[in-house]
Amino acid sequence: MKKIVIDYLYLDLTLCERCQGTLKVLEQAIQATQKLLEENNYIITLNKINVINEELAEEYRFYSSPTIRINGNDISYDRNESNCKECGDLCGDNVDCRTWIYNNQLFTTPPIEMLKEKIIESIDSYVEKEKIFEKYELPENLKKYFDGRKK
């Protein structure tokens, strides 16, 4: 069996509605595509990664919360963000979190159809290879978040 690894990277699941909602929709999309994947000899592993500090952000090359990667590739090529009240409340500052564009519409939680499409596309583009990464620098937005959480 071939393995599809989905990494779900997030800042907070206790208060952040974007992180909570995205995880819920992601789990629904995995469940909805499970049978098709099994028929094609694929299994899915979902890793939930709480990025709680700068060190983890650097280790995972984390740019925006929440992030979904399939086999190491971010499913959203753009890094659109908007103000996230809950994450701002957590760190005592204004913080922007990821938004999702699907069919030319903006969402704070990705639509299930978008996630199902991305999972199914991963079958067609399945390649086991070493990833080549660009140089990583912790985004200012995340620096602000982590600094605020320390206080």
Protein backbone atom coordinates (compact mmCIF):
# COMPACT_ATOMS: atom_id res chain seq x y z
CA MET A 1 0.00 0.00 0.00
CA LYS A 2 1.10 3.53 -0.71
CA LYS A 3 0.93 6.08 2.02
CA ILE A 4 -0.55 9.56 1.86
CA VAL A 5 0.70 11.65 4.75
CA ILE A 6 -1.37 14.66 5.71
CA ASP A 7 0.19 17.09 8.15
CA TYR A 8 -2.19 19.49 9.86
CA LEU A 9 -0.18 22.31 11.43
CA TYR A 10 -1.94 24.79 13.70
CA LEU A 11 -1.46 27.31 16.49
CA ASP A 12 -4.42 26.56 18.73
CA LEU A 13 -7.34 24.14 18.94
CA THR A 14 -8.74 25.36 22.26
CA LEU A 15 -10.06 28.76 21.12
CA CYS A 16 -9.26 29.34 17.46
CA GLU A 17 -12.36 28.72 15.35
CA ARG A 18 -10.29 28.59 12.15
CA CYS A 19 -8.05 25.85 13.47
CA GLN A 20 -10.98 23.90 14.95
CA GLY A 21 -13.12 24.27 11.83
CA THR A 22 -10.31 23.37 9.45
CA LEU A 23 -9.50 20.20 11.39
CA LYS A 24 -13.18 19.19 11.45
CA VAL A 25 -13.53 19.67 7.68
CA LEU A 26 -10.21 17.91 7.03
CA GLU A 27 -11.33 14.87 9.03
CA GLN A 28 -14.63 14.83 7.10
CA ALA A 29 -12.77 15.03 3.77
CA ILE A 30 -10.49 12.15 4.77
CA GLN A 31 -13.49 10.06 5.74
CA ALA A 32 -15.29 10.93 2.47
CA THR A 33 -12.30 9.88 0.33
CA GLN A 34 -11.27 6.84 2.41
CA LYS A 35 -13.01 4.21 0.26
CA LEU A 36 -11.63 5.57 -3.02
CA LEU A 37 -8.14 5.69 -1.57
CA GLU A 38 -8.34 2.13 -0.26
CA GLU A 39 -9.57 0.90 -3.66
CA ASN A 40 -6.42 2.44 -5.16
CA ASN A 41 -4.12 0.92 -2.50
CA TYR A 42 -3.57 4.08 -0.49
CA ILE A 43 -3.74 4.65 3.21
CA ILE A 44 -3.85 8.04 4.89
CA THR A 45 -1.91 9.06 7.94
CA LEU A 46 -3.02 12.31 9.59
CA ASN A 47 -0.46 14.07 11.76
CA LYS A 48 -1.80 16.87 13.97
CA ILE A 49 1.05 19.21 14.81
CA ASN A 50 0.54 21.96 17.37
CA VAL A 51 3.16 24.57 16.55
CA ILE A 52 3.64 26.04 20.04
CA ASN A 53 6.93 27.91 19.60
CA GLU A 54 9.48 29.32 17.19
CA GLU A 55 11.59 26.16 17.26
CA LEU A 56 8.71 24.01 16.00
CA ALA A 57 7.78 26.67 13.45
CA GLU A 58 11.33 26.52 12.08
CA GLU A 59 11.46 22.71 12.20
CA TYR A 60 8.24 22.43 10.20
CA ARG A 61 8.87 25.51 8.03
CA PHE A 62 5.55 26.90 9.23
CA TYR A 63 4.32 30.04 7.47
CA SER A 64 0.67 30.42 8.39
CA SER A 65 -1.93 28.83 10.63
CA PRO A 66 -3.62 26.58 9.88
CA THR A 67 -1.61 24.71 7.26
CA ILE A 68 -2.46 21.46 5.51
CA ARG A 69 0.29 19.58 3.71
CA ILE A 70 -0.20 16.42 1.68
CA ASN A 71 2.99 14.40 1.24
CA GLY A 72 4.96 17.46 2.33
CA ASN A 73 3.29 19.91 -0.06
CA ASP A 74 1.17 22.81 1.19
CA ILE A 75 -2.25 22.51 -0.45
CA SER A 76 -2.57 26.28 -0.69
CA TYR A 77 0.05 27.90 -2.89
CA ASP A 78 -0.86 31.38 -1.77
CA ARG A 79 -0.49 32.64 1.75
CA ASN A 80 -3.58 34.77 2.12
CA GLU A 81 -4.38 35.78 5.66
CA SER A 82 -6.83 37.93 7.59
CA ASN A 83 -7.20 39.03 11.18
CA CYS A 84 -7.91 36.14 13.54
CA LYS A 85 -9.61 37.40 16.68
CA GLU A 86 -9.07 34.23 18.73
CA CYS A 87 -5.32 33.98 18.04
CA GLY A 88 -5.04 37.71 18.68
CA ASP A 89 -6.76 37.24 22.03
CA LEU A 90 -4.35 34.41 22.88
CA CYS A 91 -1.26 36.55 22.36
CA GLY A 92 -2.63 40.02 23.18
CA ASP A 93 -1.93 41.47 19.74
CA ASN A 94 -3.44 41.51 16.25
CA VAL A 95 -2.58 38.30 14.42
CA ASP A 96 -3.48 37.21 10.91
CA CYS A 97 -4.23 33.58 10.13
CA ARG A 98 -4.68 31.73 6.87
CA THR A 99 -7.65 32.15 4.58
CA TRP A 100 -8.49 29.80 1.73
CA ILE A 101 -9.47 30.65 -1.83
CA TYR A 102 -11.71 28.17 -3.63
CA ASN A 103 -13.67 28.87 -6.81
CA ASN A 104 -12.68 32.54 -6.53
CA GLN A 105 -14.23 32.85 -3.08
CA LEU A 106 -12.49 33.56 0.21
CA PHE A 107 -13.05 31.29 3.22
CA THR A 108 -11.67 31.27 6.77
CA THR A 109 -12.26 27.49 6.86
CA PRO A 110 -11.59 25.49 3.68
CA PRO A 111 -14.67 23.97 2.03
CA ILE A 112 -14.88 20.17 2.20
CA GLU A 113 -14.99 19.94 -1.61
CA MET A 114 -11.64 21.73 -1.82
CA LEU A 115 -10.02 19.32 0.62
CA LYS A 116 -11.50 16.23 -1.05
CA GLU A 117 -10.15 17.45 -4.40
CA LYS A 118 -6.68 17.99 -2.93
CA ILE A 119 -6.65 14.52 -1.37
CA ILE A 120 -7.77 12.86 -4.61
CA GLU A 121 -5.25 14.91 -6.63
CA SER A 122 -2.52 13.51 -4.39
CA ILE A 123 -3.20 10.07 -5.87
CA ASP A 124 -2.47 11.33 -9.37
CA SER A 125 0.60 13.26 -8.30
CA TYR A 126 1.94 10.66 -5.87
CA VAL A 127 5.72 10.68 -5.91
CA GLU A 128 8.08 9.66 -3.18
CA LYS A 129 10.98 12.03 -3.41
CA GLU A 130 13.16 14.23 -1.31
CA LYS A 131 11.77 17.72 -0.83
CA ILE A 132 13.92 20.73 -1.69
CA PHE A 133 13.02 23.64 0.51
CA GLU A 134 13.50 27.35 0.13
CA LYS A 135 15.31 29.17 2.90
CA TYR A 136 12.97 29.54 5.86
CA GLU A 137 12.53 32.66 7.94
CA LEU A 138 9.91 32.88 10.66
CA PRO A 139 7.22 35.30 9.43
CA GLU A 140 6.71 38.51 11.42
CA ASN A 141 3.13 37.54 12.09
CA LEU A 142 4.22 34.35 13.86
CA LYS A 143 7.01 36.15 15.74
CA LYS A 144 4.38 38.50 17.09
CA TYR A 145 2.14 35.58 18.08
CA PHE A 146 4.86 33.60 19.86
CA ASP A 147 6.25 36.71 21.63
CA GLY A 148 2.77 37.52 22.89
CA ARG A 149 2.20 33.97 24.14
CA LYS A 150 5.45 34.13 26.13
CA LYS A 151 4.20 37.20 27.99
